[in-house]
Amino acid sequence: MEKRYLLLKCGSGSKPLPIDCFTASDMSEAQEAVKWLEHHHPERQELHLEPGEFFELLVEEHCPPEKWEDALAELELNRRKKSS
């Protein structure tokens, strides 16, 4: 059964930045999806890590609903800013 994952960029003392949301069958496949994104989308600056930064994958079913919805809303807002 597929699950929804949220990719966050963390570190540098700042609030985690939602980068993408996708489905995968398990955490292993989700981690491979992150590698795929990095490899196939080098133009996406948010996929480049600076010293002290790291990626975090949240699984929807293990995340409080309000935190999940807030992160998705921020992700959508960031996408709209980029397309403007």
PDB file of N, CA and C in Angstrom:
ATOM      1  N   MET A   1       0.835  -1.179   0.000  1.00  0.00           N
ATOM      2  CA  MET A   1       0.000   0.000   0.000  1.00  0.00           C
ATOM      3  C   MET A   1       0.881   1.244   0.000  1.00  0.00           C
ATOM      4  N   GLU A   2       0.569   2.161  -0.864  1.00  0.00           N
ATOM      5  CA  GLU A   2       1.359   3.378  -0.950  1.00  0.00           C
ATOM      6  C   GLU A   2       1.006   4.340   0.174  1.00  0.00           C
ATOM      7  N   LYS A   3       2.016   5.089   0.600  1.00  0.00           N
ATOM      8  CA  LYS A   3       1.857   6.096   1.643  1.00  0.00           C
ATOM      9  C   LYS A   3       2.328   7.429   1.089  1.00  0.00           C
ATOM     10  N   ARG A   4       1.841   8.505   1.691  1.00  0.00           N
ATOM     11  CA  ARG A   4       2.276   9.838   1.289  1.00  0.00           C
ATOM     12  C   ARG A   4       3.434  10.276   2.164  1.00  0.00           C
ATOM     13  N   TYR A   5       4.448  10.844   1.510  1.00  0.00           N
ATOM     14  CA  TYR A   5       5.642  11.331   2.184  1.00  0.00           C
ATOM     15  C   TYR A   5       5.834  12.801   1.882  1.00  0.00           C
ATOM     16  N   LEU A   6       6.340  13.514   2.860  1.00  0.00           N
ATOM     17  CA  LEU A   6       6.650  14.916   2.708  1.00  0.00           C
ATOM     18  C   LEU A   6       8.150  15.079   2.910  1.00  0.00           C
ATOM     19  N   LEU A   7       8.807  15.684   1.936  1.00  0.00           N
ATOM     20  CA  LEU A   7      10.246  15.922   2.004  1.00  0.00           C
ATOM     21  C   LEU A   7      10.480  17.309   2.565  1.00  0.00           C
ATOM     22  N   LEU A   8      11.240  17.381   3.654  1.00  0.00           N
ATOM     23  CA  LEU A   8      11.579  18.642   4.307  1.00  0.00           C
ATOM     24  C   LEU A   8      13.085  18.849   4.281  1.00  0.00           C
ATOM     25  N   LYS A   9      13.498  20.097   4.159  1.00  0.00           N
ATOM     26  CA  LYS A   9      14.908  20.460   4.277  1.00  0.00           C
ATOM     27  C   LYS A   9      15.060  21.101   5.652  1.00  0.00           C
ATOM     28  N   CYS A  10      15.962  20.545   6.469  1.00  0.00           N
ATOM     29  CA  CYS A  10      16.123  20.978   7.850  1.00  0.00           C
ATOM     30  C   CYS A  10      17.562  21.416   8.107  1.00  0.00           C
ATOM     31  N   GLY A  11      17.735  22.129   9.217  1.00  0.00           N
ATOM     32  CA  GLY A  11      19.064  22.511   9.654  1.00  0.00           C
ATOM     33  C   GLY A  11      19.275  24.008   9.638  1.00  0.00           C
ATOM     34  N   SER A  12      20.491  24.407   9.919  1.00  0.00           N
ATOM     35  CA  SER A  12      20.886  25.814   9.929  1.00  0.00           C
ATOM     36  C   SER A  12      20.040  26.651  10.883  1.00  0.00           C
ATOM     37  N   GLY A  13      19.436  26.015  11.873  1.00  0.00           N
ATOM     38  CA  GLY A  13      18.662  26.738  12.871  1.00  0.00           C
ATOM     39  C   GLY A  13      17.377  27.348  12.360  1.00  0.00           C
ATOM     40  N   SER A  14      16.983  27.025  11.135  1.00  0.00           N
ATOM     41  CA  SER A  14      15.759  27.593  10.586  1.00  0.00           C
ATOM     42  C   SER A  14      14.622  26.570  10.626  1.00  0.00           C
ATOM     43  N   LYS A  15      13.423  27.059  10.394  1.00  0.00           N
ATOM     44  CA  LYS A  15      12.244  26.207  10.342  1.00  0.00           C
ATOM     45  C   LYS A  15      12.377  25.243   9.161  1.00  0.00           C
ATOM     46  N   PRO A  16      11.976  23.972   9.320  1.00  0.00           N
ATOM     47  CA  PRO A  16      12.034  23.040   8.177  1.00  0.00           C
ATOM     48  C   PRO A  16      11.257  23.576   6.977  1.00  0.00           C
ATOM     49  N   LEU A  17      11.856  23.418   5.801  1.00  0.00           N
ATOM     50  CA  LEU A  17      11.265  23.899   4.547  1.00  0.00           C
ATOM     51  C   LEU A  17      10.663  22.733   3.786  1.00  0.00           C
ATOM     52  N   PRO A  18       9.333  22.732   3.571  1.00  0.00           N
ATOM     53  CA  PRO A  18       8.735  21.681   2.754  1.00  0.00           C
ATOM     54  C   PRO A  18       9.208  21.815   1.305  1.00  0.00           C
ATOM     55  N   ILE A  19       9.695  20.715   0.737  1.00  0.00           N
ATOM     56  CA  ILE A  19      10.239  20.738  -0.624  1.00  0.00           C
ATOM     57  C   ILE A  19       9.331  20.024  -1.605  1.00  0.00           C
ATOM     58  N   ASP A  20       8.784  18.895  -1.207  1.00  0.00           N
ATOM     59  CA  ASP A  20       7.957  18.122  -2.125  1.00  0.00           C
ATOM     60  C   ASP A  20       7.103  17.134  -1.346  1.00  0.00           C
ATOM     61  N   CYS A  21       6.077  16.642  -2.003  1.00  0.00           N
ATOM     62  CA  CYS A  21       5.202  15.622  -1.439  1.00  0.00           C
ATOM     63  C   CYS A  21       5.000  14.570  -2.520  1.00  0.00           C
ATOM     64  N   PHE A  22       5.104  13.292  -2.151  1.00  0.00           N
ATOM     65  CA  PHE A  22       4.964  12.216  -3.128  1.00  0.00           C
ATOM     66  C   PHE A  22       4.524  10.948  -2.430  1.00  0.00           C
ATOM     67  N   THR A  23       4.153   9.945  -3.224  1.00  0.00           N
ATOM     68  CA  THR A  23       3.773   8.649  -2.675  1.00  0.00           C
ATOM     69  C   THR A  23       4.881   7.640  -2.943  1.00  0.00           C
ATOM     70  N   ALA A  24       4.975   6.680  -2.049  1.00  0.00           N
ATOM     71  CA  ALA A  24       5.933   5.586  -2.186  1.00  0.00           C
ATOM     72  C   ALA A  24       5.402   4.408  -1.383  1.00  0.00           C
ATOM     73  N   SER A  25       5.870   3.224  -1.723  1.00  0.00           N
ATOM     74  CA  SER A  25       5.360   2.029  -1.040  1.00  0.00           C
ATOM     75  C   SER A  25       5.958   1.857   0.353  1.00  0.00           C
ATOM     76  N   ASP A  26       7.167   2.382   0.586  1.00  0.00           N
ATOM     77  CA  ASP A  26       7.799   2.284   1.898  1.00  0.00           C
ATOM     78  C   ASP A  26       8.907   3.331   2.000  1.00  0.00           C
ATOM     79  N   MET A  27       9.537   3.398   3.153  1.00  0.00           N
ATOM     80  CA  MET A  27      10.568   4.420   3.392  1.00  0.00           C
ATOM     81  C   MET A  27      11.754   4.246   2.452  1.00  0.00           C
ATOM     82  N   SER A  28      12.099   3.027   2.145  1.00  0.00           N
ATOM     83  CA  SER A  28      13.208   2.768   1.226  1.00  0.00           C
ATOM     84  C   SER A  28      12.934   3.391  -0.140  1.00  0.00           C
ATOM     85  N   GLU A  29      11.737   3.168  -0.640  1.00  0.00           N
ATOM     86  CA  GLU A  29      11.360   3.734  -1.934  1.00  0.00           C
ATOM     87  C   GLU A  29      11.302   5.263  -1.851  1.00  0.00           C
ATOM     88  N   ALA A  30      10.856   5.803  -0.733  1.00  0.00           N
ATOM     89  CA  ALA A  30      10.814   7.256  -0.550  1.00  0.00           C
ATOM     90  C   ALA A  30      12.235   7.835  -0.569  1.00  0.00           C
ATOM     91  N   GLN A  31      13.175   7.159   0.071  1.00  0.00           N
ATOM     92  CA  GLN A  31      14.561   7.622   0.055  1.00  0.00           C
ATOM     93  C   GLN A  31      15.136   7.580  -1.356  1.00  0.00           C
ATOM     94  N   GLU A  32      14.773   6.572  -2.113  1.00  0.00           N
ATOM     95  CA  GLU A  32      15.216   6.493  -3.507  1.00  0.00           C
ATOM     96  C   GLU A  32      14.604   7.631  -4.326  1.00  0.00           C
ATOM     97  N   ALA A  33      13.375   8.007  -4.008  1.00  0.00           N
ATOM     98  CA  ALA A  33      12.724   9.117  -4.707  1.00  0.00           C
ATOM     99  C   ALA A  33      13.475  10.425  -4.470  1.00  0.00           C
ATOM    100  N   VAL A  34      13.981  10.612  -3.259  1.00  0.00           N
ATOM    101  CA  VAL A  34      14.771  11.814  -2.962  1.00  0.00           C
ATOM    102  C   VAL A  34      16.042  11.823  -3.809  1.00  0.00           C
ATOM    103  N   LYS A  35      16.716  10.696  -3.887  1.00  0.00           N
ATOM    104  CA  LYS A  35      17.923  10.598  -4.723  1.00  0.00           C
ATOM    105  C   LYS A  35      17.587  10.872  -6.187  1.00  0.00           C
ATOM    106  N   TRP A  36      16.444  10.343  -6.646  1.00  0.00           N
ATOM    107  CA  TRP A  36      16.016  10.554  -8.024  1.00  0.00           C
ATOM    108  C   TRP A  36      15.780  12.043  -8.275  1.00  0.00           C
ATOM    109  N   LEU A  37      15.093  12.701  -7.347  1.00  0.00           N
ATOM    110  CA  LEU A  37      14.839  14.134  -7.487  1.00  0.00           C
ATOM    111  C   LEU A  37      16.147  14.918  -7.569  1.00  0.00           C
ATOM    112  N   GLU A  38      17.095  14.602  -6.692  1.00  0.00           N
ATOM    113  CA  GLU A  38      18.385  15.300  -6.703  1.00  0.00           C
ATOM    114  C   GLU A  38      19.096  15.111  -8.038  1.00  0.00           C
ATOM    115  N   HIS A  39      19.068  13.899  -8.547  1.00  0.00           N
ATOM    116  CA  HIS A  39      19.778  13.573  -9.789  1.00  0.00           C
ATOM    117  C   HIS A  39      19.115  14.189 -11.016  1.00  0.00           C
ATOM    118  N   HIS A  40      17.788  14.132 -11.081  1.00  0.00           N
ATOM    119  CA  HIS A  40      17.062  14.573 -12.272  1.00  0.00           C
ATOM    120  C   HIS A  40      16.640  16.042 -12.263  1.00  0.00           C
ATOM    121  N   HIS A  41      16.803  16.698 -11.138  1.00  0.00           N
ATOM    122  CA  HIS A  41      16.415  18.112 -11.049  1.00  0.00           C
ATOM    123  C   HIS A  41      17.515  18.942 -10.383  1.00  0.00           C
ATOM    124  N   PRO A  42      18.700  18.978 -10.990  1.00  0.00           N
ATOM    125  CA  PRO A  42      19.799  19.743 -10.384  1.00  0.00           C
ATOM    126  C   PRO A  42      19.522  21.249 -10.340  1.00  0.00           C
ATOM    127  N   GLU A  43      18.563  21.722 -11.119  1.00  0.00           N
ATOM    128  CA  GLU A  43      18.234  23.145 -11.139  1.00  0.00           C
ATOM    129  C   GLU A  43      17.449  23.587  -9.897  1.00  0.00           C
ATOM    130  N   ARG A  44      16.890  22.641  -9.171  1.00  0.00           N
ATOM    131  CA  ARG A  44      16.113  22.969  -7.971  1.00  0.00           C
ATOM    132  C   ARG A  44      17.050  23.218  -6.796  1.00  0.00           C
ATOM    133  N   GLN A  45      17.244  24.477  -6.476  1.00  0.00           N
ATOM    134  CA  GLN A  45      18.177  24.875  -5.427  1.00  0.00           C
ATOM    135  C   GLN A  45      17.836  24.277  -4.062  1.00  0.00           C
ATOM    136  N   GLU A  46      16.548  24.084  -3.791  1.00  0.00           N
ATOM    137  CA  GLU A  46      16.156  23.546  -2.491  1.00  0.00           C
ATOM    138  C   GLU A  46      16.587  22.090  -2.304  1.00  0.00           C
ATOM    139  N   LEU A  47      17.012  21.437  -3.387  1.00  0.00           N
ATOM    140  CA  LEU A  47      17.500  20.053  -3.286  1.00  0.00           C
ATOM    141  C   LEU A  47      19.007  19.991  -3.040  1.00  0.00           C
ATOM    142  N   HIS A  48      19.652  21.150  -2.905  1.00  0.00           N
ATOM    143  CA  HIS A  48      21.084  21.207  -2.605  1.00  0.00           C
ATOM    144  C   HIS A  48      21.260  21.506  -1.122  1.00  0.00           C
ATOM    145  N   LEU A  49      22.052  20.699  -0.462  1.00  0.00           N
ATOM    146  CA  LEU A  49      22.269  20.857   0.969  1.00  0.00           C
ATOM    147  C   LEU A  49      23.553  21.632   1.246  1.00  0.00           C
ATOM    148  N   GLU A  50      23.467  22.562   2.182  1.00  0.00           N
ATOM    149  CA  GLU A  50      24.625  23.293   2.685  1.00  0.00           C
ATOM    150  C   GLU A  50      25.117  22.556   3.933  1.00  0.00           C
ATOM    151  N   PRO A  51      26.333  22.861   4.385  1.00  0.00           N
ATOM    152  CA  PRO A  51      26.820  22.231   5.617  1.00  0.00           C
ATOM    153  C   PRO A  51      25.829  22.439   6.764  1.00  0.00           C
ATOM    154  N   GLY A  52      25.542  21.380   7.484  1.00  0.00           N
ATOM    155  CA  GLY A  52      24.617  21.432   8.611  1.00  0.00           C
ATOM    156  C   GLY A  52      23.157  21.208   8.232  1.00  0.00           C
ATOM    157  N   GLU A  53      22.861  21.094   6.949  1.00  0.00           N
ATOM    158  CA  GLU A  53      21.487  20.849   6.512  1.00  0.00           C
ATOM    159  C   GLU A  53      21.300  19.361   6.222  1.00  0.00           C
ATOM    160  N   PHE A  54      20.044  18.921   6.286  1.00  0.00           N
ATOM    161  CA  PHE A  54      19.719  17.534   5.987  1.00  0.00           C
ATOM    162  C   PHE A  54      18.266  17.445   5.541  1.00  0.00           C
ATOM    163  N   PHE A  55      17.921  16.353   4.900  1.00  0.00           N
ATOM    164  CA  PHE A  55      16.547  16.094   4.490  1.00  0.00           C
ATOM    165  C   PHE A  55      15.870  15.225   5.537  1.00  0.00           C
ATOM    166  N   GLU A  56      14.582  15.478   5.734  1.00  0.00           N
ATOM    167  CA  GLU A  56      13.753  14.644   6.595  1.00  0.00           C
ATOM    168  C   GLU A  56      12.539  14.216   5.783  1.00  0.00           C
ATOM    169  N   LEU A  57      12.164  12.956   5.917  1.00  0.00           N
ATOM    170  CA  LEU A  57      10.966  12.439   5.265  1.00  0.00           C
ATOM    171  C   LEU A  57       9.916  12.161   6.334  1.00  0.00           C
ATOM    172  N   LEU A  58       8.762  12.795   6.186  1.00  0.00           N
ATOM    173  CA  LEU A  58       7.650  12.539   7.092  1.00  0.00           C
ATOM    174  C   LEU A  58       6.636  11.660   6.384  1.00  0.00           C
ATOM    175  N   VAL A  59       6.118  10.687   7.103  1.00  0.00           N
ATOM    176  CA  VAL A  59       5.050   9.831   6.593  1.00  0.00           C
ATOM    177  C   VAL A  59       3.738  10.413   7.111  1.00  0.00           C
ATOM    178  N   GLU A  60       2.784  10.590   6.227  1.00  0.00           N
ATOM    179  CA  GLU A  60       1.530  11.231   6.611  1.00  0.00           C
ATOM    180  C   GLU A  60       0.896  10.558   7.826  1.00  0.00           C
ATOM    181  N   GLU A  61       0.887   9.239   7.856  1.00  0.00           N
ATOM    182  CA  GLU A  61       0.202   8.530   8.947  1.00  0.00           C
ATOM    183  C   GLU A  61       0.897   8.693  10.299  1.00  0.00           C
ATOM    184  N   HIS A  62       2.150   9.133  10.321  1.00  0.00           N
ATOM    185  CA  HIS A  62       2.871   9.329  11.576  1.00  0.00           C
ATOM    186  C   HIS A  62       3.023  10.796  11.945  1.00  0.00           C
ATOM    187  N   CYS A  63       2.328  11.655  11.246  1.00  0.00           N
ATOM    188  CA  CYS A  63       2.444  13.093  11.439  1.00  0.00           C
ATOM    189  C   CYS A  63       1.093  13.631  11.932  1.00  0.00           C
ATOM    190  N   PRO A  64       1.110  14.528  12.925  1.00  0.00           N
ATOM    191  CA  PRO A  64      -0.161  15.120  13.345  1.00  0.00           C
ATOM    192  C   PRO A  64      -0.833  15.818  12.158  1.00  0.00           C
ATOM    193  N   PRO A  65      -2.144  15.644  11.999  1.00  0.00           N
ATOM    194  CA  PRO A  65      -2.837  16.210  10.833  1.00  0.00           C
ATOM    195  C   PRO A  65      -2.603  17.705  10.632  1.00  0.00           C
ATOM    196  N   GLU A  66      -2.579  18.470  11.721  1.00  0.00           N
ATOM    197  CA  GLU A  66      -2.387  19.917  11.568  1.00  0.00           C
ATOM    198  C   GLU A  66      -0.979  20.243  11.069  1.00  0.00           C
ATOM    199  N   LYS A  67       0.017  19.499  11.515  1.00  0.00           N
ATOM    200  CA  LYS A  67       1.388  19.722  11.038  1.00  0.00           C
ATOM    201  C   LYS A  67       1.479  19.356   9.550  1.00  0.00           C
ATOM    202  N   TRP A  68       0.843  18.258   9.156  1.00  0.00           N
ATOM    203  CA  TRP A  68       0.846  17.820   7.759  1.00  0.00           C
ATOM    204  C   TRP A  68       0.192  18.877   6.873  1.00  0.00           C
ATOM    205  N   GLU A  69      -0.995  19.325   7.271  1.00  0.00           N
ATOM    206  CA  GLU A  69      -1.728  20.314   6.471  1.00  0.00           C
ATOM    207  C   GLU A  69      -0.986  21.644   6.404  1.00  0.00           C
ATOM    208  N   ASP A  70      -0.365  22.070   7.499  1.00  0.00           N
ATOM    209  CA  ASP A  70       0.416  23.314   7.499  1.00  0.00           C
ATOM    210  C   ASP A  70       1.585  23.215   6.531  1.00  0.00           C
ATOM    211  N   ALA A  71       2.270  22.082   6.535  1.00  0.00           N
ATOM    212  CA  ALA A  71       3.415  21.882   5.640  1.00  0.00           C
ATOM    213  C   ALA A  71       2.968  21.868   4.178  1.00  0.00           C
ATOM    214  N   LEU A  72       1.841  21.222   3.884  1.00  0.00           N
ATOM    215  CA  LEU A  72       1.325  21.201   2.503  1.00  0.00           C
ATOM    216  C   LEU A  72       0.915  22.600   2.054  1.00  0.00           C
ATOM    217  N   ALA A  73       0.321  23.370   2.941  1.00  0.00           N
ATOM    218  CA  ALA A  73      -0.072  24.746   2.603  1.00  0.00           C
ATOM    219  C   ALA A  73       1.165  25.594   2.317  1.00  0.00           C
ATOM    220  N   GLU A  74       2.213  25.431   3.119  1.00  0.00           N
ATOM    221  CA  GLU A  74       3.462  26.167   2.884  1.00  0.00           C
ATOM    222  C   GLU A  74       4.110  25.736   1.571  1.00  0.00           C
ATOM    223  N   LEU A  75       4.083  24.450   1.280  1.00  0.00           N
ATOM    224  CA  LEU A  75       4.620  23.933   0.025  1.00  0.00           C
ATOM    225  C   LEU A  75       3.891  24.564  -1.163  1.00  0.00           C
ATOM    226  N   GLU A  76       2.577  24.609  -1.093  1.00  0.00           N
ATOM    227  CA  GLU A  76       1.780  25.200  -2.174  1.00  0.00           C
ATOM    228  C   GLU A  76       2.078  26.692  -2.327  1.00  0.00           C
ATOM    229  N   LEU A  77       2.204  27.395  -1.220  1.00  0.00           N
ATOM    230  CA  LEU A  77       2.529  28.821  -1.261  1.00  0.00           C
ATOM    231  C   LEU A  77       3.889  29.046  -1.920  1.00  0.00           C
ATOM    232  N   ASN A  78       4.877  28.235  -1.547  1.00  0.00           N
ATOM    233  CA  ASN A  78       6.212  28.352  -2.142  1.00  0.00           C
ATOM    234  C   ASN A  78       6.180  28.061  -3.638  1.00  0.00           C
ATOM    235  N   ARG A  79       5.391  27.094  -4.053  1.00  0.00           N
ATOM    236  CA  ARG A  79       5.266  26.772  -5.478  1.00  0.00           C
ATOM    237  C   ARG A  79       4.643  27.935  -6.243  1.00  0.00           C
ATOM    238  N   ARG A  80       3.644  28.561  -5.669  1.00  0.00           N
ATOM    239  CA  ARG A  80       2.991  29.701  -6.329  1.00  0.00           C
ATOM    240  C   ARG A  80       3.955  30.876  -6.461  1.00  0.00           C
ATOM    241  N   LYS A  81       4.771  31.118  -5.431  1.00  0.00           N
ATOM    242  CA  LYS A  81       5.755  32.202  -5.495  1.00  0.00           C
ATOM    243  C   LYS A  81       6.750  31.982  -6.625  1.00  0.00           C
ATOM    244  N   LYS A  82       7.173  30.730  -6.793  1.00  0.00           N
ATOM    245  CA  LYS A  82       8.158  30.409  -7.837  1.00  0.00           C
ATOM    246  C   LYS A  82       7.567  30.561  -9.233  1.00  0.00           C
ATOM    247  N   SER A  83       6.282  30.262  -9.369  1.00  0.00           N
ATOM    248  CA  SER A  83       5.682  30.319 -10.709  1.00  0.00           C
ATOM    249  C   SER A  83       5.261  31.740 -11.085  1.00  0.00           C
ATOM    250  N   SER A  84       5.270  32.658 -10.124  1.00  0.00           N
ATOM    251  CA  SER A  84       4.877  34.058 -10.418  1.00  0.00           C
ATOM    252  C   SER A  84       5.978  34.827 -11.094  1.00  0.00           C
TER     253      SER A  84
END
